[in-house]
């Protein structure tokens, strides 16, 4: 199983914690995550274009999914960890519904996780 959580409100548990943001969140201790997959995050250009505008959400996902299609080794790394147990995709964005971790989870569900 794979889930998402905001890193600032996430309570450490037994899941494998993967930070999926390109930038390290301020004030977060490195021990809060097991793996930082910064290269699975959206490109800087896409991130700037989206700017967490909910009106651009569908377009963002479409563009991000195309980027993920080119990063299959990173996608497979998450799917392999999921076979071993619960994985939590961590994000720092304030918007809990329109962020790259939520989009990434939707993309990963195509692989039946």
N, C-alpha and C. Protein backbone atom coordinates (compact mmCIF):
# COMPACT_ATOMS: atom_id res chain seq x y z
N UNK A 1 0.83 -1.18 0.00
CA UNK A 1 0.00 0.00 0.00
C UNK A 1 0.88 1.25 0.00
N UNK A 2 0.44 2.24 -0.73
CA UNK A 2 1.14 3.52 -0.79
C UNK A 2 0.15 4.60 -0.42
N UNK A 3 0.61 5.53 0.40
CA UNK A 3 -0.23 6.65 0.81
C UNK A 3 0.58 7.94 0.73
N UNK A 4 -0.08 9.08 0.91
CA UNK A 4 0.62 10.36 0.92
C UNK A 4 0.36 11.06 2.25
N UNK A 5 1.31 11.93 2.63
CA UNK A 5 1.17 12.70 3.87
C UNK A 5 2.03 13.95 3.78
N UNK A 6 1.55 15.00 4.42
CA UNK A 6 2.34 16.24 4.50
C UNK A 6 3.42 16.04 5.54
N UNK A 7 4.64 16.34 5.18
CA UNK A 7 5.77 16.04 6.05
C UNK A 7 5.70 16.79 7.38
N UNK A 8 5.08 17.96 7.40
CA UNK A 8 5.01 18.75 8.63
C UNK A 8 3.97 18.23 9.62
N UNK A 9 3.02 17.44 9.17
CA UNK A 9 1.99 16.92 10.08
C UNK A 9 2.04 15.40 10.19
N UNK A 10 3.04 14.80 9.60
CA UNK A 10 3.16 13.35 9.58
C UNK A 10 3.82 12.87 10.87
N UNK A 11 3.22 11.88 11.49
CA UNK A 11 3.82 11.26 12.67
C UNK A 11 4.54 10.01 12.23
N UNK A 12 5.80 9.91 12.61
CA UNK A 12 6.60 8.75 12.21
C UNK A 12 5.91 7.46 12.63
N UNK A 13 5.91 6.52 11.73
CA UNK A 13 5.35 5.21 12.00
C UNK A 13 6.27 4.16 11.36
N UNK A 14 5.78 3.01 11.14
CA UNK A 14 6.60 1.92 10.60
C UNK A 14 6.67 1.91 9.08
N UNK A 15 6.07 2.89 8.42
CA UNK A 15 6.10 2.90 6.96
C UNK A 15 7.47 3.33 6.45
N UNK A 16 7.72 3.04 5.19
CA UNK A 16 8.93 3.50 4.51
C UNK A 16 8.60 4.88 3.97
N UNK A 17 9.31 5.90 4.46
CA UNK A 17 8.98 7.30 4.17
C UNK A 17 9.85 7.85 3.04
N UNK A 18 9.18 8.28 1.95
CA UNK A 18 9.88 8.77 0.77
C UNK A 18 9.49 10.22 0.52
N UNK A 19 10.45 11.12 0.60
CA UNK A 19 10.20 12.52 0.27
C UNK A 19 10.27 12.65 -1.25
N UNK A 20 9.20 13.19 -1.84
CA UNK A 20 9.11 13.26 -3.30
C UNK A 20 9.12 14.70 -3.81
N UNK A 21 9.66 15.61 -3.03
CA UNK A 21 9.81 17.01 -3.42
C UNK A 21 11.23 17.26 -3.94
N UNK A 22 11.35 18.20 -4.85
CA UNK A 22 12.66 18.54 -5.41
C UNK A 22 13.52 19.30 -4.39
N UNK A 23 12.86 20.11 -3.56
CA UNK A 23 13.58 20.91 -2.56
C UNK A 23 13.35 20.34 -1.17
N UNK A 24 14.40 20.36 -0.34
CA UNK A 24 14.26 19.87 1.02
C UNK A 24 13.42 20.86 1.83
N UNK A 25 12.41 20.37 2.56
CA UNK A 25 11.54 21.27 3.33
C UNK A 25 12.28 21.90 4.52
N UNK A 26 12.03 23.16 4.73
CA UNK A 26 12.68 23.88 5.83
C UNK A 26 12.28 23.29 7.17
N UNK A 27 13.26 23.19 8.04
CA UNK A 27 13.01 22.76 9.41
C UNK A 27 12.78 21.28 9.59
N UNK A 28 12.96 20.50 8.56
CA UNK A 28 12.72 19.05 8.65
C UNK A 28 14.05 18.33 8.84
N UNK A 29 14.09 17.48 9.83
CA UNK A 29 15.28 16.69 10.14
C UNK A 29 15.43 15.57 9.12
N UNK A 30 16.64 15.33 8.69
CA UNK A 30 16.90 14.28 7.68
C UNK A 30 16.45 12.90 8.16
N UNK A 31 16.42 12.69 9.46
CA UNK A 31 16.00 11.39 9.97
C UNK A 31 14.49 11.17 9.83
N UNK A 32 13.77 12.19 9.38
CA UNK A 32 12.32 12.07 9.19
C UNK A 32 11.95 11.28 7.94
N UNK A 33 12.92 11.04 7.06
CA UNK A 33 12.65 10.30 5.83
C UNK A 33 13.65 9.16 5.67
N UNK A 34 13.22 8.14 4.95
CA UNK A 34 14.11 7.02 4.65
C UNK A 34 14.81 7.22 3.32
N UNK A 35 14.13 7.91 2.39
CA UNK A 35 14.67 8.11 1.05
C UNK A 35 14.17 9.44 0.51
N UNK A 36 15.06 10.19 -0.11
CA UNK A 36 14.68 11.44 -0.77
C UNK A 36 14.82 11.20 -2.27
N UNK A 37 13.70 11.13 -2.97
CA UNK A 37 13.69 10.93 -4.42
C UNK A 37 13.41 12.26 -5.09
N UNK A 38 14.35 13.17 -5.02
CA UNK A 38 14.13 14.51 -5.56
C UNK A 38 13.93 14.51 -7.07
N UNK A 39 14.53 13.54 -7.77
CA UNK A 39 14.42 13.52 -9.22
C UNK A 39 13.09 12.98 -9.73
N UNK A 40 12.25 12.48 -8.82
CA UNK A 40 10.91 12.05 -9.23
C UNK A 40 9.93 13.22 -9.17
N UNK A 41 10.35 14.30 -8.57
CA UNK A 41 9.51 15.51 -8.48
C UNK A 41 9.35 16.14 -9.86
N UNK A 42 8.32 16.94 -10.03
CA UNK A 42 8.14 17.63 -11.32
C UNK A 42 9.33 18.52 -11.64
N UNK A 43 9.58 18.73 -12.91
CA UNK A 43 10.65 19.63 -13.33
C UNK A 43 10.38 21.03 -12.77
N UNK A 44 11.44 21.80 -12.66
CA UNK A 44 11.29 23.18 -12.17
C UNK A 44 10.33 23.97 -13.05
N UNK A 45 10.43 23.79 -14.36
CA UNK A 45 9.55 24.51 -15.29
C UNK A 45 8.09 24.14 -15.05
N UNK A 46 7.81 22.87 -14.87
CA UNK A 46 6.43 22.43 -14.63
C UNK A 46 5.94 22.94 -13.28
N UNK A 47 6.79 22.86 -12.28
CA UNK A 47 6.42 23.33 -10.95
C UNK A 47 6.07 24.83 -10.96
N UNK A 48 6.88 25.61 -11.65
CA UNK A 48 6.62 27.05 -11.75
C UNK A 48 5.33 27.32 -12.54
N UNK A 49 5.12 26.57 -13.62
CA UNK A 49 3.91 26.76 -14.42
C UNK A 49 2.67 26.46 -13.58
N UNK A 50 2.69 25.36 -12.85
CA UNK A 50 1.53 24.94 -12.06
C UNK A 50 1.26 25.90 -10.91
N UNK A 51 2.28 26.21 -10.14
CA UNK A 51 2.18 27.16 -9.03
C UNK A 51 1.00 26.84 -8.10
N UNK A 52 0.70 25.56 -7.94
CA UNK A 52 -0.38 25.08 -7.07
C UNK A 52 -1.72 25.74 -7.36
N UNK A 53 -1.97 26.02 -8.64
CA UNK A 53 -3.25 26.59 -9.07
C UNK A 53 -4.21 25.43 -9.37
N UNK A 54 -5.23 25.24 -8.55
CA UNK A 54 -6.16 24.12 -8.76
C UNK A 54 -6.79 24.10 -10.15
N UNK A 55 -6.90 25.25 -10.79
CA UNK A 55 -7.48 25.29 -12.14
C UNK A 55 -6.57 24.60 -13.15
N UNK A 56 -5.29 24.50 -12.83
CA UNK A 56 -4.32 23.87 -13.73
C UNK A 56 -4.05 22.40 -13.37
N UNK A 57 -4.80 21.87 -12.41
CA UNK A 57 -4.52 20.53 -11.87
C UNK A 57 -4.50 19.45 -12.95
N UNK A 58 -5.52 19.40 -13.78
CA UNK A 58 -5.58 18.35 -14.80
C UNK A 58 -4.41 18.48 -15.79
N UNK A 59 -4.10 19.70 -16.19
CA UNK A 59 -2.97 19.92 -17.08
C UNK A 59 -1.66 19.57 -16.43
N UNK A 60 -1.54 19.89 -15.14
CA UNK A 60 -0.34 19.54 -14.39
C UNK A 60 -0.14 18.03 -14.37
N UNK A 61 -1.20 17.30 -14.03
CA UNK A 61 -1.07 15.83 -13.97
C UNK A 61 -0.69 15.26 -15.33
N UNK A 62 -1.31 15.74 -16.38
CA UNK A 62 -0.99 15.24 -17.71
C UNK A 62 0.50 15.45 -18.03
N UNK A 63 1.00 16.62 -17.77
CA UNK A 63 2.41 16.93 -18.04
C UNK A 63 3.34 16.16 -17.11
N UNK A 64 2.96 16.07 -15.85
CA UNK A 64 3.79 15.35 -14.88
C UNK A 64 3.84 13.86 -15.21
N UNK A 65 2.72 13.29 -15.61
CA UNK A 65 2.71 11.87 -15.97
C UNK A 65 3.64 11.60 -17.15
N UNK A 66 3.72 12.53 -18.09
CA UNK A 66 4.66 12.37 -19.20
C UNK A 66 6.10 12.40 -18.69
N UNK A 67 6.39 13.26 -17.73
CA UNK A 67 7.72 13.29 -17.13
C UNK A 67 8.00 11.97 -16.41
N UNK A 68 7.00 11.45 -15.70
CA UNK A 68 7.18 10.19 -14.98
C UNK A 68 7.40 9.02 -15.94
N UNK A 69 6.78 9.07 -17.10
CA UNK A 69 7.01 8.03 -18.11
C UNK A 69 8.49 7.95 -18.48
N UNK A 70 9.20 9.05 -18.34
CA UNK A 70 10.64 9.10 -18.66
C UNK A 70 11.52 8.76 -17.46
N UNK A 71 10.91 8.51 -16.32
CA UNK A 71 11.67 8.25 -15.08
C UNK A 71 11.27 6.92 -14.46
N UNK A 72 11.13 5.93 -15.28
CA UNK A 72 10.62 4.64 -14.82
C UNK A 72 11.50 3.97 -13.77
N UNK A 73 12.79 4.21 -13.78
CA UNK A 73 13.64 3.59 -12.76
C UNK A 73 13.29 4.09 -11.37
N UNK A 74 12.88 5.36 -11.27
CA UNK A 74 12.47 5.91 -9.98
C UNK A 74 11.09 5.42 -9.57
N UNK A 75 10.21 5.31 -10.54
CA UNK A 75 8.88 4.75 -10.29
C UNK A 75 9.02 3.32 -9.79
N UNK A 76 9.86 2.55 -10.44
CA UNK A 76 10.06 1.15 -10.04
C UNK A 76 10.66 1.05 -8.64
N UNK A 77 11.49 2.00 -8.25
CA UNK A 77 12.08 1.99 -6.90
C UNK A 77 10.98 2.09 -5.84
N UNK A 78 10.00 2.93 -6.08
CA UNK A 78 8.88 3.04 -5.13
C UNK A 78 8.05 1.77 -5.14
N UNK A 79 7.76 1.25 -6.32
CA UNK A 79 6.94 0.04 -6.41
C UNK A 79 7.62 -1.16 -5.75
N UNK A 80 8.93 -1.23 -5.83
CA UNK A 80 9.68 -2.32 -5.17
C UNK A 80 9.57 -2.19 -3.65
N UNK A 81 9.68 -0.98 -3.13
CA UNK A 81 9.55 -0.77 -1.69
C UNK A 81 8.14 -1.12 -1.22
N UNK A 82 7.15 -0.83 -2.06
CA UNK A 82 5.77 -1.12 -1.71
C UNK A 82 5.53 -2.62 -1.55
N UNK A 83 6.27 -3.42 -2.29
CA UNK A 83 6.14 -4.88 -2.17
C UNK A 83 6.57 -5.35 -0.79
N UNK A 84 7.42 -4.55 -0.12
CA UNK A 84 7.95 -4.92 1.20
C UNK A 84 7.09 -4.41 2.35
N UNK A 85 6.17 -3.49 2.05
CA UNK A 85 5.31 -2.95 3.11
C UNK A 85 4.79 -1.57 2.77
N UNK A 86 4.20 -0.95 3.74
CA UNK A 86 3.58 0.36 3.57
C UNK A 86 4.63 1.42 3.22
N UNK A 87 4.31 2.24 2.19
CA UNK A 87 5.16 3.34 1.76
C UNK A 87 4.36 4.64 1.91
N UNK A 88 5.00 5.66 2.47
CA UNK A 88 4.37 6.97 2.59
C UNK A 88 5.15 7.96 1.73
N UNK A 89 4.45 8.57 0.77
CA UNK A 89 5.04 9.61 -0.06
C UNK A 89 4.85 10.93 0.67
N UNK A 90 5.94 11.58 1.03
CA UNK A 90 5.89 12.81 1.80
C UNK A 90 6.04 14.03 0.91
N UNK A 91 5.28 15.08 1.21
CA UNK A 91 5.34 16.34 0.48
C UNK A 91 5.29 17.48 1.47
N UNK A 92 5.70 18.67 1.04
CA UNK A 92 5.71 19.84 1.92
C UNK A 92 4.64 20.86 1.58
N UNK A 93 4.03 20.77 0.43
CA UNK A 93 3.05 21.78 -0.02
C UNK A 93 1.91 21.94 0.98
N UNK A 94 1.40 23.15 1.07
CA UNK A 94 0.26 23.42 1.96
C UNK A 94 -1.04 22.82 1.42
N UNK A 95 -1.16 22.77 0.11
CA UNK A 95 -2.36 22.22 -0.53
C UNK A 95 -2.27 20.70 -0.53
N UNK A 96 -3.08 20.08 0.30
CA UNK A 96 -3.02 18.62 0.45
C UNK A 96 -3.71 17.87 -0.68
N UNK A 97 -4.44 18.57 -1.54
CA UNK A 97 -5.17 17.91 -2.62
C UNK A 97 -4.53 18.09 -3.99
N UNK A 98 -3.75 19.15 -4.16
CA UNK A 98 -3.18 19.48 -5.47
C UNK A 98 -1.67 19.62 -5.34
N UNK A 99 -0.98 18.50 -5.27
CA UNK A 99 0.48 18.52 -5.16
C UNK A 99 1.07 17.31 -5.87
N UNK A 100 2.37 17.32 -6.04
CA UNK A 100 3.01 16.26 -6.82
C UNK A 100 2.89 14.89 -6.17
N UNK A 101 2.84 14.79 -4.86
CA UNK A 101 2.71 13.48 -4.20
C UNK A 101 1.35 12.86 -4.51
N UNK A 102 0.30 13.67 -4.49
CA UNK A 102 -1.04 13.17 -4.82
C UNK A 102 -1.07 12.71 -6.28
N UNK A 103 -0.49 13.51 -7.16
CA UNK A 103 -0.44 13.14 -8.58
C UNK A 103 0.39 11.88 -8.77
N UNK A 104 1.51 11.78 -8.07
CA UNK A 104 2.37 10.60 -8.18
C UNK A 104 1.63 9.36 -7.72
N UNK A 105 0.89 9.45 -6.62
CA UNK A 105 0.10 8.31 -6.15
C UNK A 105 -0.90 7.88 -7.21
N UNK A 106 -1.57 8.83 -7.83
CA UNK A 106 -2.51 8.50 -8.91
C UNK A 106 -1.79 7.77 -10.05
N UNK A 107 -0.62 8.24 -10.40
CA UNK A 107 0.18 7.60 -11.45
C UNK A 107 0.55 6.18 -11.03
N UNK A 108 0.99 6.00 -9.80
CA UNK A 108 1.40 4.68 -9.32
C UNK A 108 0.25 3.69 -9.27
N UNK A 109 -0.96 4.18 -9.06
CA UNK A 109 -2.13 3.28 -9.01
C UNK A 109 -2.36 2.59 -10.33
N UNK A 110 -1.79 3.13 -11.41
CA UNK A 110 -1.88 2.45 -12.70
C UNK A 110 -1.17 1.10 -12.67
N UNK A 111 -0.27 0.95 -11.71
CA UNK A 111 0.51 -0.28 -11.56
C UNK A 111 -0.10 -1.19 -10.48
N UNK A 112 -1.36 -0.92 -10.12
CA UNK A 112 -2.11 -1.73 -9.17
C UNK A 112 -1.52 -1.77 -7.77
N UNK A 113 -1.05 -0.63 -7.27
CA UNK A 113 -0.56 -0.62 -5.89
C UNK A 113 -1.60 -0.04 -4.96
